[in-house]
Amino acid sequence: MPVGGEEAVVIALGSNDKGVWPSCVDLLEAAIARFRAEGIDVLALSSWWRSAAWPDPSDPPFVNGVAVISTAHDPHALMAALGRLEEAFGRERGRINAPRSLDLDMIAYGRLSGDLDGLILPHPRAAERLFVMGPLAEIAPEWLHPTAAKTAKALAESCKVGTDAKPMGAVT
């Protein structure tokens, strides 16, 4: 199966609170290293992108990336595994959009769409966010959004949220 094909499972990763780690990048890379222990194999990983926090740009900036993965987990079991990883890396839930150590979002699970017992697929706002679609377009430009019927590359070009997102090391 090509990376980003019809059955692709797409996970977005983000951090803007490094906690005990030297940097948010170090935290994200440590989280990726723990994926296999949760039954998640990374097929492709984007570069790390930086963007201002949203909706409050006075919060620390985010480091984001996207992984295309393979797993035997069904969508609900995968969400549970992602939740365990967030908790293991110090994620605390409280105020919405507060700084967070690790944020793992399931963007898509193959072509599944709709409300699957409280799990909405594909992620309802991912197609609008450059900090998701930009990294995804890096590794799977022809990935086709299950409901918008546009490629990751086309969506990245039309994003309205997080438009300051850039690959780390990119010239501004």
N, C-alpha and C. Protein backbone atom coordinates (compact mmCIF):
# COMPACT_ATOMS: atom_id res chain seq x y z
N MET A 1 0.85 -1.19 0.00
CA MET A 1 0.00 0.00 0.00
C MET A 1 0.89 1.24 0.00
N PRO A 2 0.67 2.16 -0.92
CA PRO A 2 1.45 3.39 -0.89
C PRO A 2 1.10 4.23 0.34
N VAL A 3 2.09 4.95 0.85
CA VAL A 3 1.84 5.82 1.99
C VAL A 3 0.80 6.85 1.57
N GLY A 4 -0.22 6.99 2.38
CA GLY A 4 -1.27 7.97 2.07
C GLY A 4 -2.34 7.43 1.15
N GLY A 5 -2.35 6.12 0.91
CA GLY A 5 -3.37 5.53 0.05
C GLY A 5 -4.74 5.52 0.72
N GLU A 6 -5.68 4.86 0.05
CA GLU A 6 -7.08 4.83 0.50
C GLU A 6 -7.25 4.36 1.94
N GLU A 7 -6.42 3.44 2.38
CA GLU A 7 -6.58 2.88 3.72
C GLU A 7 -5.67 3.55 4.75
N ALA A 8 -5.07 4.67 4.42
CA ALA A 8 -4.12 5.33 5.32
C ALA A 8 -4.78 5.72 6.64
N VAL A 9 -4.03 5.48 7.70
CA VAL A 9 -4.41 5.97 9.02
C VAL A 9 -3.44 7.11 9.32
N VAL A 10 -4.01 8.29 9.58
CA VAL A 10 -3.21 9.51 9.71
C VAL A 10 -3.35 10.05 11.13
N ILE A 11 -2.21 10.30 11.76
CA ILE A 11 -2.16 10.84 13.12
C ILE A 11 -1.40 12.17 13.10
N ALA A 12 -1.97 13.20 13.71
CA ALA A 12 -1.29 14.48 13.88
C ALA A 12 -0.70 14.50 15.29
N LEU A 13 0.52 15.05 15.39
CA LEU A 13 1.21 15.17 16.66
C LEU A 13 1.51 16.64 16.92
N GLY A 14 1.40 17.06 18.17
CA GLY A 14 1.73 18.43 18.50
C GLY A 14 2.16 18.56 19.94
N SER A 15 2.93 19.64 20.20
CA SER A 15 3.37 19.95 21.55
C SER A 15 3.71 21.42 21.64
N ASN A 16 3.31 22.06 22.73
CA ASN A 16 3.81 23.40 23.02
C ASN A 16 4.13 23.57 24.51
N ASP A 17 4.36 22.43 25.18
CA ASP A 17 4.78 22.43 26.59
C ASP A 17 5.76 21.27 26.74
N LYS A 18 7.05 21.57 26.72
CA LYS A 18 8.08 20.53 26.71
C LYS A 18 8.20 19.78 28.03
N GLY A 19 7.60 20.33 29.09
CA GLY A 19 7.68 19.65 30.38
C GLY A 19 9.13 19.40 30.77
N VAL A 20 9.46 18.14 31.09
CA VAL A 20 10.80 17.78 31.54
C VAL A 20 11.76 17.51 30.38
N TRP A 21 11.28 17.55 29.16
CA TRP A 21 12.10 17.27 27.98
C TRP A 21 12.91 18.50 27.60
N PRO A 22 14.07 18.33 26.96
CA PRO A 22 14.87 19.49 26.55
C PRO A 22 14.12 20.41 25.56
N SER A 23 13.24 19.83 24.74
CA SER A 23 12.48 20.63 23.78
C SER A 23 11.22 19.87 23.40
N CYS A 24 10.31 20.56 22.77
CA CYS A 24 9.09 19.91 22.27
C CYS A 24 9.44 18.86 21.21
N VAL A 25 10.45 19.13 20.39
CA VAL A 25 10.87 18.14 19.38
C VAL A 25 11.35 16.87 20.07
N ASP A 26 12.14 17.00 21.13
CA ASP A 26 12.61 15.82 21.87
C ASP A 26 11.42 15.03 22.42
N LEU A 27 10.44 15.73 22.98
CA LEU A 27 9.25 15.07 23.51
C LEU A 27 8.52 14.33 22.40
N LEU A 28 8.29 14.97 21.26
CA LEU A 28 7.57 14.34 20.15
C LEU A 28 8.32 13.12 19.62
N GLU A 29 9.63 13.22 19.52
CA GLU A 29 10.41 12.09 19.03
C GLU A 29 10.40 10.93 20.03
N ALA A 30 10.38 11.24 21.31
CA ALA A 30 10.27 10.19 22.33
C ALA A 30 8.89 9.52 22.25
N ALA A 31 7.87 10.30 21.99
CA ALA A 31 6.52 9.73 21.84
C ALA A 31 6.46 8.80 20.64
N ILE A 32 7.03 9.23 19.51
CA ILE A 32 7.07 8.38 18.32
C ILE A 32 7.79 7.07 18.63
N ALA A 33 8.86 7.14 19.39
CA ALA A 33 9.61 5.94 19.75
C ALA A 33 8.77 4.96 20.57
N ARG A 34 7.74 5.45 21.23
CA ARG A 34 6.87 4.59 22.05
C ARG A 34 5.67 4.04 21.28
N PHE A 35 5.46 4.51 20.04
CA PHE A 35 4.31 4.05 19.26
C PHE A 35 4.27 2.53 19.13
N ARG A 36 5.40 1.93 18.79
CA ARG A 36 5.43 0.48 18.53
C ARG A 36 4.94 -0.30 19.75
N ALA A 37 5.29 0.15 20.96
CA ALA A 37 4.84 -0.53 22.18
C ALA A 37 3.33 -0.49 22.32
N GLU A 38 2.68 0.46 21.64
CA GLU A 38 1.22 0.57 21.66
C GLU A 38 0.58 -0.07 20.43
N GLY A 39 1.36 -0.82 19.65
CA GLY A 39 0.80 -1.48 18.48
C GLY A 39 0.63 -0.57 17.28
N ILE A 40 1.47 0.46 17.20
CA ILE A 40 1.39 1.45 16.13
C ILE A 40 2.73 1.47 15.41
N ASP A 41 2.71 1.20 14.10
CA ASP A 41 3.93 1.24 13.28
C ASP A 41 3.88 2.49 12.41
N VAL A 42 4.94 3.27 12.44
CA VAL A 42 5.02 4.49 11.64
C VAL A 42 5.53 4.13 10.25
N LEU A 43 4.72 4.43 9.24
CA LEU A 43 5.10 4.19 7.84
C LEU A 43 5.81 5.40 7.25
N ALA A 44 5.39 6.59 7.67
CA ALA A 44 6.00 7.84 7.19
C ALA A 44 5.78 8.91 8.25
N LEU A 45 6.79 9.76 8.41
CA LEU A 45 6.72 10.86 9.38
C LEU A 45 7.19 12.13 8.69
N SER A 46 6.40 13.18 8.83
CA SER A 46 6.75 14.48 8.25
C SER A 46 7.90 15.10 9.01
N SER A 47 8.40 16.21 8.48
CA SER A 47 9.32 17.03 9.26
C SER A 47 8.50 17.73 10.35
N TRP A 48 9.19 18.36 11.27
CA TRP A 48 8.51 19.11 12.34
C TRP A 48 8.23 20.51 11.84
N TRP A 49 7.05 20.99 12.13
CA TRP A 49 6.60 22.33 11.73
C TRP A 49 6.38 23.16 12.98
N ARG A 50 6.57 24.46 12.88
CA ARG A 50 6.32 25.38 14.00
C ARG A 50 5.22 26.36 13.59
N SER A 51 4.36 26.66 14.55
CA SER A 51 3.30 27.66 14.32
C SER A 51 2.94 28.31 15.64
N ALA A 52 2.35 29.48 15.54
CA ALA A 52 1.87 30.17 16.73
C ALA A 52 0.74 29.35 17.35
N ALA A 53 0.62 29.44 18.67
CA ALA A 53 -0.49 28.77 19.35
C ALA A 53 -1.80 29.37 18.86
N TRP A 54 -2.81 28.53 18.82
CA TRP A 54 -4.13 28.98 18.39
C TRP A 54 -5.14 28.47 19.40
N PRO A 55 -6.08 29.24 19.85
CA PRO A 55 -6.43 30.58 19.40
C PRO A 55 -5.69 31.71 20.10
N ASP A 56 -4.83 31.38 21.09
CA ASP A 56 -4.13 32.41 21.85
C ASP A 56 -2.64 32.43 21.49
N PRO A 57 -2.24 33.32 20.58
CA PRO A 57 -0.84 33.33 20.15
C PRO A 57 0.14 33.76 21.24
N SER A 58 -0.36 34.18 22.41
CA SER A 58 0.56 34.50 23.50
C SER A 58 1.03 33.23 24.22
N ASP A 59 0.36 32.10 23.99
CA ASP A 59 0.84 30.82 24.51
C ASP A 59 2.09 30.42 23.74
N PRO A 60 2.88 29.49 24.28
CA PRO A 60 4.09 29.06 23.56
C PRO A 60 3.74 28.52 22.16
N PRO A 61 4.63 28.69 21.19
CA PRO A 61 4.37 28.17 19.84
C PRO A 61 4.32 26.64 19.84
N PHE A 62 3.64 26.11 18.86
CA PHE A 62 3.51 24.66 18.70
C PHE A 62 4.57 24.11 17.77
N VAL A 63 4.94 22.88 18.04
CA VAL A 63 5.69 22.04 17.11
C VAL A 63 4.71 20.95 16.70
N ASN A 64 4.52 20.77 15.40
CA ASN A 64 3.57 19.79 14.88
C ASN A 64 4.22 18.91 13.84
N GLY A 65 3.63 17.76 13.65
CA GLY A 65 4.01 16.85 12.59
C GLY A 65 2.87 15.89 12.32
N VAL A 66 3.02 15.08 11.29
CA VAL A 66 2.00 14.11 10.92
C VAL A 66 2.68 12.78 10.62
N ALA A 67 2.04 11.70 11.06
CA ALA A 67 2.52 10.35 10.76
C ALA A 67 1.42 9.58 10.04
N VAL A 68 1.81 8.84 9.04
CA VAL A 68 0.94 7.82 8.45
C VAL A 68 1.37 6.52 9.10
N ILE A 69 0.40 5.81 9.66
CA ILE A 69 0.71 4.64 10.47
C ILE A 69 -0.01 3.40 9.97
N SER A 70 0.42 2.27 10.52
CA SER A 70 -0.24 0.99 10.33
C SER A 70 -0.53 0.45 11.72
N THR A 71 -1.70 -0.14 11.90
CA THR A 71 -2.06 -0.71 13.19
C THR A 71 -3.14 -1.76 13.01
N ALA A 72 -3.17 -2.71 13.91
CA ALA A 72 -4.25 -3.69 13.94
C ALA A 72 -5.42 -3.20 14.78
N HIS A 73 -5.22 -2.07 15.49
CA HIS A 73 -6.28 -1.51 16.33
C HIS A 73 -7.44 -1.01 15.47
N ASP A 74 -8.65 -1.19 15.98
CA ASP A 74 -9.80 -0.52 15.36
C ASP A 74 -9.73 0.95 15.80
N PRO A 75 -10.56 1.83 15.22
CA PRO A 75 -10.45 3.26 15.57
C PRO A 75 -10.57 3.57 17.06
N HIS A 76 -11.47 2.90 17.76
CA HIS A 76 -11.64 3.19 19.19
C HIS A 76 -10.44 2.70 19.99
N ALA A 77 -9.91 1.54 19.66
CA ALA A 77 -8.72 1.04 20.36
C ALA A 77 -7.51 1.92 20.06
N LEU A 78 -7.43 2.42 18.83
CA LEU A 78 -6.34 3.34 18.49
C LEU A 78 -6.45 4.62 19.29
N MET A 79 -7.65 5.17 19.43
CA MET A 79 -7.82 6.38 20.25
C MET A 79 -7.41 6.13 21.69
N ALA A 80 -7.74 4.95 22.21
CA ALA A 80 -7.34 4.61 23.58
C ALA A 80 -5.81 4.55 23.69
N ALA A 81 -5.15 3.97 22.69
CA ALA A 81 -3.69 3.90 22.70
C ALA A 81 -3.09 5.30 22.64
N LEU A 82 -3.65 6.17 21.81
CA LEU A 82 -3.16 7.55 21.71
C LEU A 82 -3.35 8.27 23.04
N GLY A 83 -4.47 8.03 23.70
CA GLY A 83 -4.72 8.63 25.01
C GLY A 83 -3.72 8.17 26.05
N ARG A 84 -3.37 6.88 26.01
CA ARG A 84 -2.36 6.37 26.96
C ARG A 84 -1.01 7.04 26.72
N LEU A 85 -0.66 7.24 25.46
CA LEU A 85 0.60 7.91 25.15
C LEU A 85 0.58 9.36 25.63
N GLU A 86 -0.52 10.06 25.38
CA GLU A 86 -0.62 11.45 25.87
C GLU A 86 -0.43 11.50 27.38
N GLU A 87 -1.10 10.61 28.08
CA GLU A 87 -1.01 10.59 29.55
C GLU A 87 0.43 10.27 29.99
N ALA A 88 1.08 9.33 29.33
CA ALA A 88 2.45 8.94 29.68
C ALA A 88 3.42 10.11 29.50
N PHE A 89 3.08 11.04 28.62
CA PHE A 89 3.95 12.19 28.37
C PHE A 89 3.43 13.46 29.06
N GLY A 90 2.60 13.27 30.07
CA GLY A 90 2.21 14.38 30.93
C GLY A 90 1.05 15.23 30.45
N ARG A 91 0.27 14.76 29.51
CA ARG A 91 -0.88 15.54 29.04
C ARG A 91 -1.89 15.69 30.17
N GLU A 92 -2.25 16.94 30.43
CA GLU A 92 -3.28 17.23 31.43
C GLU A 92 -4.42 17.91 30.71
N ARG A 93 -5.61 17.42 30.97
CA ARG A 93 -6.79 18.01 30.32
C ARG A 93 -7.45 18.96 31.32
N GLY A 94 -7.76 20.10 30.84
CA GLY A 94 -8.39 21.12 31.68
C GLY A 94 -9.00 22.15 30.76
N ARG A 95 -8.37 23.30 30.72
CA ARG A 95 -8.83 24.39 29.88
C ARG A 95 -8.65 24.02 28.40
N ILE A 96 -9.68 24.24 27.62
CA ILE A 96 -9.63 23.96 26.17
C ILE A 96 -8.57 24.86 25.53
N ASN A 97 -7.77 24.26 24.64
CA ASN A 97 -6.71 24.94 23.90
C ASN A 97 -5.56 25.43 24.78
N ALA A 98 -5.47 24.91 26.01
CA ALA A 98 -4.35 25.27 26.89
C ALA A 98 -3.07 24.64 26.34
N PRO A 99 -1.90 25.18 26.69
CA PRO A 99 -0.65 24.53 26.30
C PRO A 99 -0.68 23.06 26.73
N ARG A 100 -0.07 22.21 25.91
CA ARG A 100 -0.09 20.78 26.22
C ARG A 100 1.22 20.11 25.82
N SER A 101 1.57 19.12 26.62
CA SER A 101 2.81 18.40 26.38
C SER A 101 2.72 17.56 25.12
N LEU A 102 1.65 16.82 24.96
CA LEU A 102 1.50 15.95 23.81
C LEU A 102 0.04 15.92 23.39
N ASP A 103 -0.17 16.21 22.13
CA ASP A 103 -1.51 16.19 21.55
C ASP A 103 -1.45 15.26 20.35
N LEU A 104 -2.20 14.18 20.42
CA LEU A 104 -2.26 13.20 19.34
C LEU A 104 -3.69 13.14 18.83
N ASP A 105 -3.89 13.46 17.57
CA ASP A 105 -5.22 13.44 16.97
C ASP A 105 -5.26 12.46 15.81
N MET A 106 -6.31 11.64 15.80
CA MET A 106 -6.54 10.78 14.65
C MET A 106 -7.22 11.64 13.58
N ILE A 107 -6.52 11.86 12.48
CA ILE A 107 -7.04 12.69 11.40
C ILE A 107 -7.94 11.86 10.49
N ALA A 108 -7.52 10.67 10.18
CA ALA A 108 -8.31 9.79 9.32
C ALA A 108 -7.96 8.35 9.62
N TYR A 109 -8.94 7.49 9.42
CA TYR A 109 -8.75 6.05 9.53
C TYR A 109 -9.31 5.45 8.26
N GLY A 110 -8.44 5.35 7.27
CA GLY A 110 -8.88 4.90 5.96
C GLY A 110 -9.96 5.82 5.42
N ARG A 111 -10.99 5.25 4.85
CA ARG A 111 -12.09 6.03 4.26
C ARG A 111 -13.26 6.18 5.22
N LEU A 112 -13.11 5.75 6.48
CA LEU A 112 -14.22 5.85 7.43
C LEU A 112 -14.64 7.30 7.60
N SER A 113 -15.95 7.51 7.69
CA SER A 113 -16.44 8.87 7.94
C SER A 113 -17.75 8.80 8.72
N GLY A 114 -17.96 9.85 9.49
CA GLY A 114 -19.18 9.95 10.28
C GLY A 114 -18.89 9.81 11.76
N ASP A 115 -19.96 9.69 12.53
CA ASP A 115 -19.89 9.56 13.98
C ASP A 115 -19.90 8.07 14.30
N LEU A 116 -18.76 7.57 14.76
CA LEU A 116 -18.62 6.16 15.12
C LEU A 116 -18.69 6.03 16.64
N ASP A 117 -19.88 6.05 17.17
CA ASP A 117 -20.07 5.97 18.62
C ASP A 117 -19.25 7.02 19.36
N GLY A 118 -19.37 8.28 18.95
CA GLY A 118 -18.71 9.39 19.62
C GLY A 118 -17.36 9.76 19.04
N LEU A 119 -16.84 8.98 18.12
CA LEU A 119 -15.57 9.29 17.45
C LEU A 119 -15.90 9.80 16.05
N ILE A 120 -15.58 11.07 15.79
CA ILE A 120 -15.90 11.68 14.49
C ILE A 120 -14.71 11.52 13.56
N LEU A 121 -14.94 10.90 12.42
CA LEU A 121 -13.91 10.71 11.40
C LEU A 121 -14.43 11.18 10.04
N PRO A 122 -13.58 11.78 9.24
CA PRO A 122 -12.25 12.25 9.60
C PRO A 122 -12.34 13.39 10.62
N HIS A 123 -11.19 13.77 11.19
CA HIS A 123 -11.16 14.86 12.17
C HIS A 123 -11.89 16.05 11.56
N PRO A 124 -12.87 16.60 12.27
CA PRO A 124 -13.74 17.61 11.65
C PRO A 124 -13.08 18.94 11.27
N ARG A 125 -11.93 19.28 11.82
CA ARG A 125 -11.31 20.58 11.50
C ARG A 125 -9.92 20.46 10.87
N ALA A 126 -9.43 19.26 10.69
CA ALA A 126 -8.07 19.08 10.19
C ALA A 126 -7.86 19.69 8.80
N ALA A 127 -8.84 19.59 7.94
CA ALA A 127 -8.68 20.06 6.56
C ALA A 127 -8.46 21.57 6.48
N GLU A 128 -8.80 22.31 7.54
CA GLU A 128 -8.65 23.77 7.56
C GLU A 128 -7.31 24.21 8.12
N ARG A 129 -6.52 23.30 8.68
CA ARG A 129 -5.34 23.64 9.47
C ARG A 129 -4.04 23.34 8.71
N LEU A 130 -3.28 24.39 8.44
CA LEU A 130 -2.03 24.21 7.71
C LEU A 130 -1.03 23.39 8.52
N PHE A 131 -1.07 23.49 9.85
CA PHE A 131 -0.14 22.73 10.67
C PHE A 131 -0.44 21.23 10.67
N VAL A 132 -1.55 20.82 10.05
CA VAL A 132 -1.86 19.41 9.81
C VAL A 132 -1.67 19.08 8.33
N MET A 133 -2.32 19.84 7.47
CA MET A 133 -2.28 19.53 6.04
C MET A 133 -0.91 19.77 5.41
N GLY A 134 -0.17 20.76 5.90
CA GLY A 134 1.18 21.00 5.37
C GLY A 134 2.09 19.81 5.60
N PRO A 135 2.22 19.34 6.87
CA PRO A 135 3.04 18.16 7.09
C PRO A 135 2.53 16.92 6.35
N LEU A 136 1.21 16.75 6.28
CA LEU A 136 0.66 15.59 5.56
C LEU A 136 1.00 15.68 4.08
N ALA A 137 0.92 16.87 3.51
CA ALA A 137 1.24 17.05 2.09
C ALA A 137 2.71 16.73 1.81
N GLU A 138 3.57 16.90 2.81
CA GLU A 138 4.99 16.54 2.65
C GLU A 138 5.18 15.05 2.39
N ILE A 139 4.44 14.23 3.13
CA ILE A 139 4.67 12.79 3.08
C ILE A 139 3.65 12.04 2.22
N ALA A 140 2.49 12.65 1.99
CA ALA A 140 1.44 11.99 1.20
C ALA A 140 0.63 13.05 0.45
N PRO A 141 1.25 13.75 -0.50
CA PRO A 141 0.57 14.86 -1.17
C PRO A 141 -0.72 14.46 -1.88
N GLU A 142 -0.82 13.22 -2.31
CA GLU A 142 -2.01 12.77 -3.04
C GLU A 142 -3.04 12.09 -2.15
N TRP A 143 -2.78 12.09 -0.81
CA TRP A 143 -3.79 11.55 0.11
C TRP A 143 -5.09 12.28 -0.13
N LEU A 144 -6.17 11.54 -0.25
CA LEU A 144 -7.48 12.11 -0.55
C LEU A 144 -8.33 12.14 0.71
N HIS A 145 -8.75 13.34 1.09
CA HIS A 145 -9.60 13.51 2.27
C HIS A 145 -10.88 12.71 2.07
N PRO A 146 -11.30 11.91 3.06
CA PRO A 146 -12.45 11.02 2.88
C PRO A 146 -13.77 11.71 2.56
N THR A 147 -13.97 12.94 3.01
CA THR A 147 -15.25 13.60 2.73
C THR A 147 -15.10 14.84 1.86
N ALA A 148 -13.98 15.55 1.97
CA ALA A 148 -13.79 16.77 1.17
C ALA A 148 -13.40 16.45 -0.27
N ALA A 149 -12.93 15.23 -0.51
CA ALA A 149 -12.52 14.78 -1.85
C ALA A 149 -11.47 15.69 -2.48
N LYS A 150 -10.56 16.20 -1.62
CA LYS A 150 -9.42 16.99 -2.09
C LYS A 150 -8.16 16.36 -1.53
N THR A 151 -7.06 16.54 -2.24
CA THR A 151 -5.80 15.98 -1.78
C THR A 151 -5.23 16.80 -0.63
N ALA A 152 -4.29 16.18 0.08
CA ALA A 152 -3.60 16.90 1.15
C ALA A 152 -2.92 18.14 0.58
N LYS A 153 -2.32 18.02 -0.59
CA LYS A 153 -1.64 19.16 -1.20
C LYS A 153 -2.62 20.29 -1.49
N ALA A 154 -3.77 19.99 -2.07
CA ALA A 154 -4.77 21.02 -2.37
C ALA A 154 -5.32 21.64 -1.09
N LEU A 155 -5.56 20.82 -0.09
CA LEU A 155 -6.06 21.35 1.18
C LEU A 155 -5.03 22.26 1.83
N ALA A 156 -3.75 21.87 1.80
CA ALA A 156 -2.69 22.70 2.39
C ALA A 156 -2.64 24.06 1.71
N GLU A 157 -2.88 24.10 0.44
CA GLU A 157 -2.84 25.36 -0.31
C GLU A 157 -4.03 26.26 0.00
N SER A 158 -5.10 25.71 0.59
CA SER A 158 -6.30 26.51 0.85
C SER A 158 -6.62 26.67 2.33
N CYS A 159 -5.72 26.24 3.22
CA CYS A 159 -5.97 26.31 4.66
C CYS A 159 -6.16 27.74 5.13
N LYS A 160 -7.05 27.92 6.11
CA LYS A 160 -7.35 29.23 6.68
C LYS A 160 -6.89 29.37 8.13
N VAL A 161 -6.53 28.28 8.78
CA VAL A 161 -6.11 28.30 10.19
C VAL A 161 -4.64 27.88 10.26
N GLY A 162 -3.89 28.58 11.09
CA GLY A 162 -2.48 28.23 11.26
C GLY A 162 -1.64 28.53 10.04
N THR A 163 -1.99 29.59 9.33
CA THR A 163 -1.31 29.89 8.07
C THR A 163 0.14 30.33 8.26
N ASP A 164 0.55 30.57 9.51
CA ASP A 164 1.96 30.89 9.78
C ASP A 164 2.81 29.63 9.90
N ALA A 165 2.20 28.44 9.84
CA ALA A 165 2.92 27.18 10.02
C ALA A 165 3.98 27.02 8.92
N LYS A 166 5.19 26.64 9.36
CA LYS A 166 6.31 26.43 8.44
C LYS A 166 7.16 25.28 8.95
N PRO A 167 7.76 24.53 8.02
CA PRO A 167 8.69 23.51 8.48
C PRO A 167 9.81 24.16 9.30
N MET A 168 10.21 23.52 10.37
CA MET A 168 11.27 24.08 11.19
C MET A 168 12.54 24.16 10.36
N GLY A 169 13.20 25.27 10.45
CA GLY A 169 14.40 25.50 9.64
C GLY A 169 14.08 26.20 8.33
N ALA A 170 12.77 26.35 8.02
CA ALA A 170 12.41 27.05 6.80
C ALA A 170 12.70 28.55 6.95
N VAL A 171 13.09 29.18 5.89
CA VAL A 171 13.35 30.62 5.89
C VAL A 171 12.00 31.33 5.86
N THR A 172 11.83 32.29 6.75
CA THR A 172 10.56 33.02 6.78
C THR A 172 10.60 34.26 5.94
